[in-house]
Amino acid sequence: MINVNGINKLFDQRAIAGLHHISFDIKEGEVFSLMGPNGSGKTTLINIISGKTLPDSGTVSIKGNLSLFEHKEIENQNVQKFLIQSNKLEISEEQKLQLTRDFADIFEFTFQLRQNLNELSAGQRQKVMLASELINSPSLLLLDEPFTHLDPHTRKDILQALFEYIRRQGISVLWVTHDLEEATLFADRIGLLNFGKMEQIGTPAQLIKSPRSLFSAKFLGYENFLSILPENGKWITPWGALGEAQSDQPHILVIPANAFTQDSNGVELKIDSVQMRGRSQYVRARLAEKTLFLEFSPQVQLPPKKLKTKLIWESCFLLPH
């Protein structure tokens, strides 16, 4: 459906800002989420794919028609009239009207068809704007953080309706978002951009289970990192010699917050604070001068000041130093 091959775009002579050798494919009907920090090149890449910006080198091949969904100023008018005018398909006016009503039903704004655009809530207006893009049956839809100004409940409601429709129609999507939870919920694959370079591409499960770099691990929400050394075929950690060391080089041990258990014979941590996050107890603690973050279910009884812990080694993973 789309092939991005060796895209380069530089914005300064030092060749720091921009995009560097970006290559990936999006298959027919696939939802590909593009994530990364501010300034990592996400919008630049979207603009190159949409044709708004030319790359310095590299190619973009697209099979089918493309639609870029972005914020744009439009004159205030009747919702139904706006959608009929947005329809560029070579069909009759009666068919355009029926298609407008179908989309109003899909995105649940049937009762707003006779209203003007400026009378709608922000969420309703976004639904109408989405319908105005989808009504022309694009093969590839580009989404550049279109819903960030909406409240989480409204945003999730729109995304649910959007991706249900997209799955049924087999539309390919390139979706820029900062929300990891939403990306893991709706995307087939995620690409992580960092300083204009593609750090890693994989399914949500692949990325979360096996980040390939310290950047990827931090971006995916991991917070506990310890430098460890191999000795006699084992990794030497504060919790003892663990695992099988397949290298003679230092590595970074990544400890998920839920990879700790209480153990009366374990390593003692000093508790700084305990907070509820969602349905978990989130503990900030110290091991010597190192701050660690631990997660426990609400049913776990935690001591007030000191916590003795053991690691679930199978839940941890290693990164090259």
C-alpha atoms as a PDB file:
ATOM      1  CA  MET A   1       0.000   0.000   0.000  1.00  0.00           C
ATOM      2  CA  ILE A   2       2.819   2.428   0.870  1.00  0.00           C
ATOM      3  CA  ASN A   3       6.594   2.091   0.704  1.00  0.00           C
ATOM      4  CA  VAL A   4       8.932   4.671   2.240  1.00  0.00           C
ATOM      5  CA  ASN A   5      12.494   4.038   1.098  1.00  0.00           C
ATOM      6  CA  GLY A   6      15.621   5.872   2.296  1.00  0.00           C
ATOM      7  CA  ILE A   7      14.008   9.227   3.056  1.00  0.00           C
ATOM      8  CA  ASN A   8      16.449  11.998   4.017  1.00  0.00           C
ATOM      9  CA  LYS A   9      15.540  15.583   4.837  1.00  0.00           C
ATOM     10  CA  LEU A  10      18.058  17.914   6.485  1.00  0.00           C
ATOM     11  CA  PHE A  11      17.300  21.342   7.940  1.00  0.00           C
ATOM     12  CA  ASP A  12      20.785  22.478   9.012  1.00  0.00           C
ATOM     13  CA  GLN A  13      24.366  22.160   7.827  1.00  0.00           C
ATOM     14  CA  ARG A  14      25.337  19.962  10.765  1.00  0.00           C
ATOM     15  CA  ALA A  15      22.827  17.351   9.516  1.00  0.00           C
ATOM     16  CA  ILE A  16      21.238  17.005  12.964  1.00  0.00           C
ATOM     17  CA  ALA A  17      17.677  18.275  12.490  1.00  0.00           C
ATOM     18  CA  GLY A  18      15.632  16.354   9.953  1.00  0.00           C
ATOM     19  CA  LEU A  19      15.119  12.771   8.832  1.00  0.00           C
ATOM     20  CA  HIS A  20      17.856  10.209   8.254  1.00  0.00           C
ATOM     21  CA  HIS A  21      17.450   7.091   6.066  1.00  0.00           C
ATOM     22  CA  ILE A  22      13.809   6.409   6.968  1.00  0.00           C
ATOM     23  CA  SER A  23      12.426   3.220   5.429  1.00  0.00           C
ATOM     24  CA  PHE A  24       9.279   1.226   6.197  1.00  0.00           C
ATOM     25  CA  ASP A  25       6.170  -0.264   4.583  1.00  0.00           C
ATOM     26  CA  ILE A  26       2.504  -0.059   5.480  1.00  0.00           C
ATOM     27  CA  LYS A  27       0.428  -2.981   4.263  1.00  0.00           C
ATOM     28  CA  GLU A  28      -3.107  -2.800   2.945  1.00  0.00           C
ATOM     29  CA  GLY A  29      -5.537  -2.356   5.853  1.00  0.00           C
ATOM     30  CA  GLU A  30      -2.736  -1.859   8.403  1.00  0.00           C
ATOM     31  CA  VAL A  31      -2.771   0.803  11.123  1.00  0.00           C
ATOM     32  CA  PHE A  32       0.800   2.059  11.614  1.00  0.00           C
ATOM     33  CA  SER A  33       1.362   4.416  14.537  1.00  0.00           C
ATOM     34  CA  LEU A  34       4.290   6.832  14.434  1.00  0.00           C
ATOM     35  CA  MET A  35       5.560   7.899  17.856  1.00  0.00           C
ATOM     36  CA  GLY A  36       8.474   9.886  19.245  1.00  0.00           C
ATOM     37  CA  PRO A  37       9.391  12.989  21.250  1.00  0.00           C
ATOM     38  CA  ASN A  38       8.608  16.507  20.044  1.00  0.00           C
ATOM     39  CA  GLY A  39      10.991  17.450  17.262  1.00  0.00           C
ATOM     40  CA  SER A  40      11.803  13.863  16.306  1.00  0.00           C
ATOM     41  CA  GLY A  41      10.518  14.346  12.737  1.00  0.00           C
ATOM     42  CA  LYS A  42       6.996  12.897  12.812  1.00  0.00           C
ATOM     43  CA  THR A  43       5.216  15.819  11.159  1.00  0.00           C
ATOM     44  CA  THR A  44       8.044  16.275   8.630  1.00  0.00           C
ATOM     45  CA  LEU A  45       7.637  12.638   7.609  1.00  0.00           C
ATOM     46  CA  ILE A  46       3.853  13.020   7.322  1.00  0.00           C
ATOM     47  CA  ASN A  47       4.334  16.125   5.146  1.00  0.00           C
ATOM     48  CA  ILE A  48       6.776  14.296   2.852  1.00  0.00           C
ATOM     49  CA  ILE A  49       4.421  11.340   2.433  1.00  0.00           C
ATOM     50  CA  SER A  50       1.480  13.668   1.717  1.00  0.00           C
ATOM     51  CA  GLY A  51       3.517  15.639  -0.830  1.00  0.00           C
ATOM     52  CA  LYS A  52       3.516  18.914   1.101  1.00  0.00           C
ATOM     53  CA  THR A  53       7.317  18.715   1.585  1.00  0.00           C
ATOM     54  CA  LEU A  54       9.947  17.334  -0.780  1.00  0.00           C
ATOM     55  CA  PRO A  55      12.682  15.063   0.619  1.00  0.00           C
ATOM     56  CA  ASP A  56      16.357  15.629  -0.135  1.00  0.00           C
ATOM     57  CA  SER A  57      16.566  12.002  -1.240  1.00  0.00           C
ATOM     58  CA  GLY A  58      14.592   8.784  -1.054  1.00  0.00           C
ATOM     59  CA  THR A  59      11.237   7.758  -2.463  1.00  0.00           C
ATOM     60  CA  VAL A  60       7.626   7.321  -1.361  1.00  0.00           C
ATOM     61  CA  SER A  61       5.416   4.922  -3.322  1.00  0.00           C
ATOM     62  CA  ILE A  62       1.675   4.845  -2.661  1.00  0.00           C
ATOM     63  CA  LYS A  63      -0.873   2.489  -4.176  1.00  0.00           C
ATOM     64  CA  GLY A  64      -4.292   4.141  -4.220  1.00  0.00           C
ATOM     65  CA  ASN A  65      -5.505   7.581  -3.156  1.00  0.00           C
ATOM     66  CA  LEU A  66      -4.294   9.394  -0.055  1.00  0.00           C
ATOM     67  CA  SER A  67      -6.089  11.672   2.397  1.00  0.00           C
ATOM     68  CA  LEU A  68      -4.386  13.858   5.019  1.00  0.00           C
ATOM     69  CA  PHE A  69      -6.614  14.592   8.004  1.00  0.00           C
ATOM     70  CA  GLU A  70      -5.411  17.788   9.665  1.00  0.00           C
ATOM     71  CA  HIS A  71      -6.836  20.875  11.287  1.00  0.00           C
ATOM     72  CA  LYS A  72      -8.070  23.372   8.716  1.00  0.00           C
ATOM     73  CA  GLU A  73     -10.231  26.460   8.760  1.00  0.00           C
ATOM     74  CA  ILE A  74     -13.585  26.080   7.006  1.00  0.00           C
ATOM     75  CA  GLU A  75     -16.489  28.463   6.584  1.00  0.00           C
ATOM     76  CA  ASN A  76     -19.474  27.933   8.812  1.00  0.00           C
ATOM     77  CA  GLN A  77     -22.267  26.088   7.024  1.00  0.00           C
ATOM     78  CA  ASN A  78     -24.879  23.391   7.426  1.00  0.00           C
ATOM     79  CA  VAL A  79     -23.313  20.005   8.327  1.00  0.00           C
ATOM     80  CA  GLN A  80     -25.226  18.031   5.696  1.00  0.00           C
ATOM     81  CA  LYS A  81     -24.427  20.569   2.982  1.00  0.00           C
ATOM     82  CA  PHE A  82     -20.746  20.578   3.985  1.00  0.00           C
ATOM     83  CA  LEU A  83     -20.460  16.786   3.707  1.00  0.00           C
ATOM     84  CA  ILE A  84     -22.270  16.651   0.356  1.00  0.00           C
ATOM     85  CA  GLN A  85     -19.918  19.336  -1.000  1.00  0.00           C
ATOM     86  CA  SER A  86     -16.907  17.447   0.399  1.00  0.00           C
ATOM     87  CA  ASN A  87     -17.881  14.358  -1.604  1.00  0.00           C
ATOM     88  CA  LYS A  88     -15.796  14.281  -4.804  1.00  0.00           C
ATOM     89  CA  LEU A  89     -16.941  10.834  -5.960  1.00  0.00           C
ATOM     90  CA  GLU A  90     -18.627  10.588  -9.352  1.00  0.00           C
ATOM     91  CA  ILE A  91     -22.024   9.594  -8.013  1.00  0.00           C
ATOM     92  CA  SER A  92     -25.471  11.177  -8.063  1.00  0.00           C
ATOM     93  CA  GLU A  93     -26.612  13.834  -5.586  1.00  0.00           C
ATOM     94  CA  GLU A  94     -29.050  11.334  -4.121  1.00  0.00           C
ATOM     95  CA  GLN A  95     -26.218   8.860  -3.537  1.00  0.00           C
ATOM     96  CA  LYS A  96     -24.108  11.624  -1.953  1.00  0.00           C
ATOM     97  CA  LEU A  97     -26.971  12.430   0.413  1.00  0.00           C
ATOM     98  CA  GLN A  98     -27.344   8.773   1.364  1.00  0.00           C
ATOM     99  CA  LEU A  99     -23.584   8.464   1.946  1.00  0.00           C
ATOM    100  CA  THR A 100     -23.722  11.552   4.172  1.00  0.00           C
ATOM    101  CA  ARG A 101     -26.493   9.976   6.244  1.00  0.00           C
ATOM    102  CA  ASP A 102     -24.546   6.698   6.432  1.00  0.00           C
ATOM    103  CA  PHE A 103     -21.501   8.465   7.864  1.00  0.00           C
ATOM    104  CA  ALA A 104     -23.653  10.425  10.290  1.00  0.00           C
ATOM    105  CA  ASP A 105     -24.961   7.094  11.527  1.00  0.00           C
ATOM    106  CA  ILE A 106     -21.486   5.535  11.739  1.00  0.00           C
ATOM    107  CA  PHE A 107     -20.017   8.438  13.730  1.00  0.00           C
ATOM    108  CA  GLU A 108     -23.238   9.193  15.631  1.00  0.00           C
ATOM    109  CA  PHE A 109     -24.009  12.760  14.573  1.00  0.00           C
ATOM    110  CA  THR A 110     -27.328  12.137  12.781  1.00  0.00           C
ATOM    111  CA  PHE A 111     -29.115  14.671  14.980  1.00  0.00           C
ATOM    112  CA  GLN A 112     -26.517  17.329  14.070  1.00  0.00           C
ATOM    113  CA  LEU A 113     -26.977  17.090  10.269  1.00  0.00           C
ATOM    114  CA  ARG A 114     -29.302  20.106  10.210  1.00  0.00           C
ATOM    115  CA  GLN A 115     -27.095  22.187  12.495  1.00  0.00           C
ATOM    116  CA  ASN A 116     -24.298  24.511  11.443  1.00  0.00           C
ATOM    117  CA  LEU A 117     -20.671  23.588  12.082  1.00  0.00           C
ATOM    118  CA  ASN A 118     -20.149  26.355  14.658  1.00  0.00           C
ATOM    119  CA  GLU A 119     -23.033  24.971  16.730  1.00  0.00           C
ATOM    120  CA  LEU A 120     -21.277  21.645  17.311  1.00  0.00           C
ATOM    121  CA  SER A 121     -19.083  20.624  20.215  1.00  0.00           C
ATOM    122  CA  ALA A 122     -15.383  20.074  19.505  1.00  0.00           C
ATOM    123  CA  GLY A 123     -15.885  16.294  19.487  1.00  0.00           C
ATOM    124  CA  GLN A 124     -18.874  16.453  17.137  1.00  0.00           C
ATOM    125  CA  ARG A 125     -16.989  18.778  14.788  1.00  0.00           C
ATOM    126  CA  GLN A 126     -14.064  16.339  14.642  1.00  0.00           C
ATOM    127  CA  LYS A 127     -16.438  13.517  13.738  1.00  0.00           C
ATOM    128  CA  VAL A 128     -17.842  15.592  10.892  1.00  0.00           C
ATOM    129  CA  MET A 129     -14.366  16.517   9.661  1.00  0.00           C
ATOM    130  CA  LEU A 130     -13.322  12.858   9.725  1.00  0.00           C
ATOM    131  CA  ALA A 131     -16.413  11.924   7.726  1.00  0.00           C
ATOM    132  CA  SER A 132     -15.528  14.613   5.161  1.00  0.00           C
ATOM    133  CA  GLU A 133     -12.213  12.831   4.518  1.00  0.00           C
ATOM    134  CA  LEU A 134     -13.478   9.251   4.635  1.00  0.00           C
ATOM    135  CA  ILE A 135     -16.475   9.974   2.431  1.00  0.00           C
ATOM    136  CA  ASN A 136     -14.139   9.994  -0.596  1.00  0.00           C
ATOM    137  CA  SER A 137     -12.959   6.417   0.094  1.00  0.00           C
ATOM    138  CA  PRO A 138      -9.204   6.985   0.578  1.00  0.00           C
ATOM    139  CA  SER A 139      -6.840   4.023   0.374  1.00  0.00           C
ATOM    140  CA  LEU A 140      -4.430   5.626   2.849  1.00  0.00           C
ATOM    141  CA  LEU A 141      -5.363   7.991   5.673  1.00  0.00           C
ATOM    142  CA  LEU A 142      -2.732  10.175   7.346  1.00  0.00           C
ATOM    143  CA  LEU A 143      -3.540  11.366  10.869  1.00  0.00           C
ATOM    144  CA  ASP A 144      -1.215  13.918  12.510  1.00  0.00           C
ATOM    145  CA  GLU A 145      -2.355  14.101  16.156  1.00  0.00           C
ATOM    146  CA  PRO A 146      -5.827  15.351  15.178  1.00  0.00           C
ATOM    147  CA  PHE A 147      -7.536  14.740  18.529  1.00  0.00           C
ATOM    148  CA  THR A 148      -5.077  16.027  21.129  1.00  0.00           C
ATOM    149  CA  HIS A 149      -7.303  18.961  22.171  1.00  0.00           C
ATOM    150  CA  LEU A 150     -10.236  16.671  23.005  1.00  0.00           C
ATOM    151  CA  ASP A 151     -10.862  15.193  26.445  1.00  0.00           C
ATOM    152  CA  PRO A 152      -9.721  11.546  26.827  1.00  0.00           C
ATOM    153  CA  HIS A 153     -13.249  10.097  26.874  1.00  0.00           C
ATOM    154  CA  THR A 154     -14.313  11.922  23.688  1.00  0.00           C
ATOM    155  CA  ARG A 155     -11.016  11.085  21.976  1.00  0.00           C
ATOM    156  CA  LYS A 156     -11.309   7.381  22.737  1.00  0.00           C
ATOM    157  CA  ASP A 157     -14.930   7.385  21.573  1.00  0.00           C
ATOM    158  CA  ILE A 158     -13.918   8.906  18.227  1.00  0.00           C
ATOM    159  CA  LEU A 159     -10.947   6.562  17.812  1.00  0.00           C
ATOM    160  CA  GLN A 160     -13.130   3.525  18.535  1.00  0.00           C
ATOM    161  CA  ALA A 161     -15.621   4.519  15.838  1.00  0.00           C
ATOM    162  CA  LEU A 162     -12.863   5.509  13.405  1.00  0.00           C
ATOM    163  CA  PHE A 163     -10.839   2.314  13.638  1.00  0.00           C
ATOM    164  CA  GLU A 164     -13.903   0.076  13.570  1.00  0.00           C
ATOM    165  CA  TYR A 165     -14.836   1.715  10.252  1.00  0.00           C
ATOM    166  CA  ILE A 166     -11.257   1.569   8.953  1.00  0.00           C
ATOM    167  CA  ARG A 167     -10.973  -2.147   9.724  1.00  0.00           C
ATOM    168  CA  ARG A 168     -14.203  -2.881   7.875  1.00  0.00           C
ATOM    169  CA  GLN A 169     -13.120  -0.892   4.807  1.00  0.00           C
ATOM    170  CA  GLY A 170      -9.502  -2.107   4.730  1.00  0.00           C
ATOM    171  CA  ILE A 171      -8.066   1.428   4.783  1.00  0.00           C
ATOM    172  CA  SER A 172      -4.368   1.807   5.586  1.00  0.00           C
ATOM    173  CA  VAL A 173      -3.495   4.400   8.238  1.00  0.00           C
ATOM    174  CA  LEU A 174      -0.356   6.286   9.245  1.00  0.00           C
ATOM    175  CA  TRP A 175      -1.196   7.810  12.614  1.00  0.00           C
ATOM    176  CA  VAL A 176       0.973  10.207  14.620  1.00  0.00           C
ATOM    177  CA  THR A 177       0.147  10.112  18.324  1.00  0.00           C
ATOM    178  CA  HIS A 178       1.815  10.766  21.672  1.00  0.00           C
ATOM    179  CA  ASP A 179      -0.537   8.476  23.571  1.00  0.00           C
ATOM    180  CA  LEU A 180       1.105   5.074  24.067  1.00  0.00           C
ATOM    181  CA  GLU A 181      -2.025   3.496  25.548  1.00  0.00           C
ATOM    182  CA  GLU A 182      -4.082   4.456  22.492  1.00  0.00           C
ATOM    183  CA  ALA A 183      -1.348   3.311  20.105  1.00  0.00           C
ATOM    184  CA  THR A 184      -1.100  -0.103  21.760  1.00  0.00           C
ATOM    185  CA  LEU A 185      -4.884  -0.401  21.709  1.00  0.00           C
ATOM    186  CA  PHE A 186      -5.526   0.470  18.048  1.00  0.00           C
ATOM    187  CA  ALA A 187      -2.278   0.119  16.058  1.00  0.00           C
ATOM    188  CA  ASP A 188      -1.030  -3.039  14.328  1.00  0.00           C
ATOM    189  CA  ARG A 189       2.546  -1.768  14.420  1.00  0.00           C
ATOM    190  CA  ILE A 190       4.369   1.168  15.992  1.00  0.00           C
ATOM    191  CA  GLY A 191       7.433   2.994  14.675  1.00  0.00           C
ATOM    192  CA  LEU A 192       9.564   4.920  17.184  1.00  0.00           C
ATOM    193  CA  LEU A 193      11.337   8.017  15.828  1.00  0.00           C
ATOM    194  CA  ASN A 194      14.234   9.640  17.692  1.00  0.00           C
ATOM    195  CA  PHE A 195      16.184  12.610  16.322  1.00  0.00           C
ATOM    196  CA  GLY A 196      14.997  11.796  12.825  1.00  0.00           C
ATOM    197  CA  LYS A 197      16.014   8.140  12.938  1.00  0.00           C
ATOM    198  CA  MET A 198      13.735   5.130  13.172  1.00  0.00           C
ATOM    199  CA  GLU A 199      14.789   3.454  16.424  1.00  0.00           C
ATOM    200  CA  GLN A 200      12.503   0.449  16.250  1.00  0.00           C
ATOM    201  CA  ILE A 201       9.432  -0.900  14.477  1.00  0.00           C
ATOM    202  CA  GLY A 202       7.245  -3.695  15.791  1.00  0.00           C
ATOM    203  CA  THR A 203       3.866  -4.740  17.074  1.00  0.00           C
ATOM    204  CA  PRO A 204       2.856  -3.199  20.417  1.00  0.00           C
ATOM    205  CA  ALA A 205       3.634  -6.508  22.144  1.00  0.00           C
ATOM    206  CA  GLN A 206       7.060  -6.773  20.492  1.00  0.00           C
ATOM    207  CA  LEU A 207       8.060  -3.260  21.510  1.00  0.00           C
ATOM    208  CA  ILE A 208       6.894  -3.560  25.095  1.00  0.00           C
ATOM    209  CA  LYS A 209       8.462  -6.987  25.612  1.00  0.00           C
ATOM    210  CA  SER A 210      11.706  -6.338  23.737  1.00  0.00           C
ATOM    211  CA  PRO A 211      12.843  -2.710  23.433  1.00  0.00           C
ATOM    212  CA  ARG A 212      16.140  -2.660  21.542  1.00  0.00           C
ATOM    213  CA  SER A 213      17.625   0.531  22.985  1.00  0.00           C
ATOM    214  CA  LEU A 214      17.626   2.656  26.105  1.00  0.00           C
ATOM    215  CA  PHE A 215      15.620   5.296  24.239  1.00  0.00           C
ATOM    216  CA  SER A 216      12.927   2.759  23.289  1.00  0.00           C
ATOM    217  CA  ALA A 217      12.732   1.401  26.829  1.00  0.00           C
ATOM    218  CA  LYS A 218      12.358   4.876  28.357  1.00  0.00           C
ATOM    219  CA  PHE A 219       9.834   5.979  25.744  1.00  0.00           C
ATOM    220  CA  LEU A 220       7.759   2.868  26.417  1.00  0.00           C
ATOM    221  CA  GLY A 221       7.531   3.781  30.096  1.00  0.00           C
ATOM    222  CA  TYR A 222      10.276   1.751  31.779  1.00  0.00           C
ATOM    223  CA  GLU A 223      11.946   3.626  34.646  1.00  0.00           C
ATOM    224  CA  ASN A 224      14.329   1.263  36.429  1.00  0.00           C
ATOM    225  CA  PHE A 225      17.794   0.928  34.861  1.00  0.00           C
ATOM    226  CA  LEU A 226      20.861  -0.561  36.542  1.00  0.00           C
ATOM    227  CA  SER A 227      24.341  -1.120  35.105  1.00  0.00           C
ATOM    228  CA  ILE A 228      25.441  -4.692  35.801  1.00  0.00           C
ATOM    229  CA  LEU A 229      28.507  -6.826  35.084  1.00  0.00           C
ATOM    230  CA  PRO A 230      28.920 -10.524  34.254  1.00  0.00           C
ATOM    231  CA  GLU A 231      30.901 -12.793  36.533  1.00  0.00           C
ATOM    232  CA  ASN A 232      31.367 -16.561  36.311  1.00  0.00           C
ATOM    233  CA  GLY A 233      28.549 -16.850  33.759  1.00  0.00           C
ATOM    234  CA  LYS A 234      26.033 -14.911  35.853  1.00  0.00           C
ATOM    235  CA  TRP A 235      24.880 -11.292  36.030  1.00  0.00           C
ATOM    236  CA  ILE A 236      25.858  -9.585  39.282  1.00  0.00           C
ATOM    237  CA  THR A 237      22.958  -7.520  40.636  1.00  0.00           C
ATOM    238  CA  PRO A 238      22.039  -6.059  44.026  1.00  0.00           C
ATOM    239  CA  TRP A 239      19.763  -9.122  44.374  1.00  0.00           C
ATOM    240  CA  GLY A 240      22.631 -11.534  43.815  1.00  0.00           C
ATOM    241  CA  ALA A 241      23.993 -13.469  40.820  1.00  0.00           C
ATOM    242  CA  LEU A 242      21.074 -13.999  38.424  1.00  0.00           C
ATOM    243  CA  GLY A 243      20.390 -15.349  34.946  1.00  0.00           C
ATOM    244  CA  GLU A 244      22.840 -16.685  32.397  1.00  0.00           C
ATOM    245  CA  ALA A 245      25.379 -14.142  31.140  1.00  0.00           C
ATOM    246  CA  GLN A 246      25.908 -14.654  27.411  1.00  0.00           C
ATOM    247  CA  SER A 247      28.335 -11.736  27.204  1.00  0.00           C
ATOM    248  CA  ASP A 248      31.482 -10.559  28.939  1.00  0.00           C
ATOM    249  CA  GLN A 249      30.496  -6.885  28.528  1.00  0.00           C
ATOM    250  CA  PRO A 250      28.562  -4.603  30.937  1.00  0.00           C
ATOM    251  CA  HIS A 251      24.830  -4.389  30.253  1.00  0.00           C
ATOM    252  CA  ILE A 252      21.868  -2.326  31.423  1.00  0.00           C
ATOM    253  CA  LEU A 253      19.327  -4.272  33.448  1.00  0.00           C
ATOM    254  CA  VAL A 254      15.795  -3.009  32.801  1.00  0.00           C
ATOM    255  CA  ILE A 255      13.435  -3.822  35.674  1.00  0.00           C
ATOM    256  CA  PRO A 256       9.690  -3.373  35.028  1.00  0.00           C
ATOM    257  CA  ALA A 257       7.865  -1.816  37.974  1.00  0.00           C
ATOM    258  CA  ASN A 258       5.882  -5.027  38.502  1.00  0.00           C
ATOM    259  CA  ALA A 259       8.993  -7.250  38.568  1.00  0.00           C
ATOM    260  CA  PHE A 260       9.439  -6.906  42.332  1.00  0.00           C
ATOM    261  CA  THR A 261       8.023  -9.141  45.045  1.00  0.00           C
ATOM    262  CA  GLN A 262       8.190  -8.822  48.806  1.00  0.00           C
ATOM    263  CA  ASP A 263      10.637 -11.214  50.454  1.00  0.00           C
ATOM    264  CA  SER A 264      11.679 -11.147  54.103  1.00  0.00           C
ATOM    265  CA  ASN A 265      15.173 -12.308  53.072  1.00  0.00           C
ATOM    266  CA  GLY A 266      15.423  -9.902  50.137  1.00  0.00           C
ATOM    267  CA  VAL A 267      17.204  -6.634  49.447  1.00  0.00           C
ATOM    268  CA  GLU A 268      15.970  -3.746  51.562  1.00  0.00           C
ATOM    269  CA  LEU A 269      14.619  -0.598  49.880  1.00  0.00           C
ATOM    270  CA  LYS A 270      13.715   2.618  51.670  1.00  0.00           C
ATOM    271  CA  ILE A 271      10.213   3.774  50.768  1.00  0.00           C
ATOM    272  CA  ASP A 272       9.897   7.452  49.814  1.00  0.00           C
ATOM    273  CA  SER A 273       6.227   7.464  48.810  1.00  0.00           C
ATOM    274  CA  VAL A 274       3.248   5.285  47.907  1.00  0.00           C
ATOM    275  CA  GLN A 275       0.545   6.510  45.522  1.00  0.00           C
ATOM    276  CA  MET A 276      -2.411   4.960  43.729  1.00  0.00           C
ATOM    277  CA  ARG A 277      -2.099   4.988  39.937  1.00  0.00           C
ATOM    278  CA  GLY A 278      -5.146   3.549  38.299  1.00  0.00           C
ATOM    279  CA  ARG A 279      -5.648   0.197  40.009  1.00  0.00           C
ATOM    280  CA  SER A 280      -2.077  -0.161  41.320  1.00  0.00           C
ATOM    281  CA  GLN A 281       0.019   0.972  44.248  1.00  0.00           C
ATOM    282  CA  TYR A 282       2.984   2.865  42.833  1.00  0.00           C
ATOM    283  CA  VAL A 283       5.994   2.933  45.153  1.00  0.00           C
ATOM    284  CA  ARG A 284       8.964   5.277  44.889  1.00  0.00           C
ATOM    285  CA  ALA A 285      11.880   3.767  46.808  1.00  0.00           C
ATOM    286  CA  ARG A 286      15.647   3.999  47.148  1.00  0.00           C
ATOM    287  CA  LEU A 287      18.417   1.446  46.893  1.00  0.00           C
ATOM    288  CA  ALA A 288      21.438   3.333  48.249  1.00  0.00           C
ATOM    289  CA  GLU A 289      21.456   6.466  46.034  1.00  0.00           C
ATOM    290  CA  LYS A 290      19.431   4.869  43.244  1.00  0.00           C
ATOM    291  CA  THR A 291      15.703   5.673  42.945  1.00  0.00           C
ATOM    292  CA  LEU A 292      13.479   2.775  41.896  1.00  0.00           C
ATOM    293  CA  PHE A 293       9.792   2.566  41.044  1.00  0.00           C
ATOM    294  CA  LEU A 294       7.713  -0.459  42.047  1.00  0.00           C
ATOM    295  CA  GLU A 295       4.133  -1.481  41.294  1.00  0.00           C
ATOM    296  CA  PHE A 296       1.886  -3.679  43.452  1.00  0.00           C
ATOM    297  CA  SER A 297      -1.780  -4.580  43.439  1.00  0.00           C
ATOM    298  CA  PRO A 298      -4.003  -2.787  45.989  1.00  0.00           C
ATOM    299  CA  GLN A 299      -4.354  -6.040  47.950  1.00  0.00           C
ATOM    300  CA  VAL A 300      -0.634  -6.141  48.826  1.00  0.00           C
ATOM    301  CA  GLN A 301       0.082  -4.877  52.347  1.00  0.00           C
ATOM    302  CA  LEU A 302       3.138  -2.616  52.237  1.00  0.00           C
ATOM    303  CA  PRO A 303       5.259  -1.658  55.252  1.00  0.00           C
ATOM    304  CA  PRO A 304       5.416   2.072  56.038  1.00  0.00           C
ATOM    305  CA  LYS A 305       9.152   2.761  55.678  1.00  0.00           C
ATOM    306  CA  LYS A 306      11.243  -0.169  54.437  1.00  0.00           C
ATOM    307  CA  LEU A 307      10.505  -2.889  51.934  1.00  0.00           C
ATOM    308  CA  LYS A 308      12.486  -6.102  51.441  1.00  0.00           C
ATOM    309  CA  THR A 309      12.367  -7.241  47.837  1.00  0.00           C
ATOM    310  CA  LYS A 310      13.261  -9.979  45.410  1.00  0.00           C
ATOM    311  CA  LEU A 311      13.407  -9.701  41.610  1.00  0.00           C
ATOM    312  CA  ILE A 312      11.311 -11.698  39.162  1.00  0.00           C
ATOM    313  CA  TRP A 313      14.249 -12.190  36.806  1.00  0.00           C
ATOM    314  CA  GLU A 314      12.090 -13.573  33.993  1.00  0.00           C
ATOM    315  CA  SER A 315      10.243 -10.254  33.796  1.00  0.00           C
ATOM    316  CA  CYS A 316      13.459  -8.246  33.404  1.00  0.00           C
ATOM    317  CA  PHE A 317      15.537  -7.795  30.273  1.00  0.00           C
ATOM    318  CA  LEU A 318      18.986  -6.580  29.252  1.00  0.00           C
ATOM    319  CA  LEU A 319      20.207  -3.869  26.883  1.00  0.00           C
ATOM    320  CA  PRO A 320      23.743  -3.291  25.577  1.00  0.00           C
ATOM    321  CA  HIS A 321      25.549  -0.683  27.646  1.00  0.00           C
END
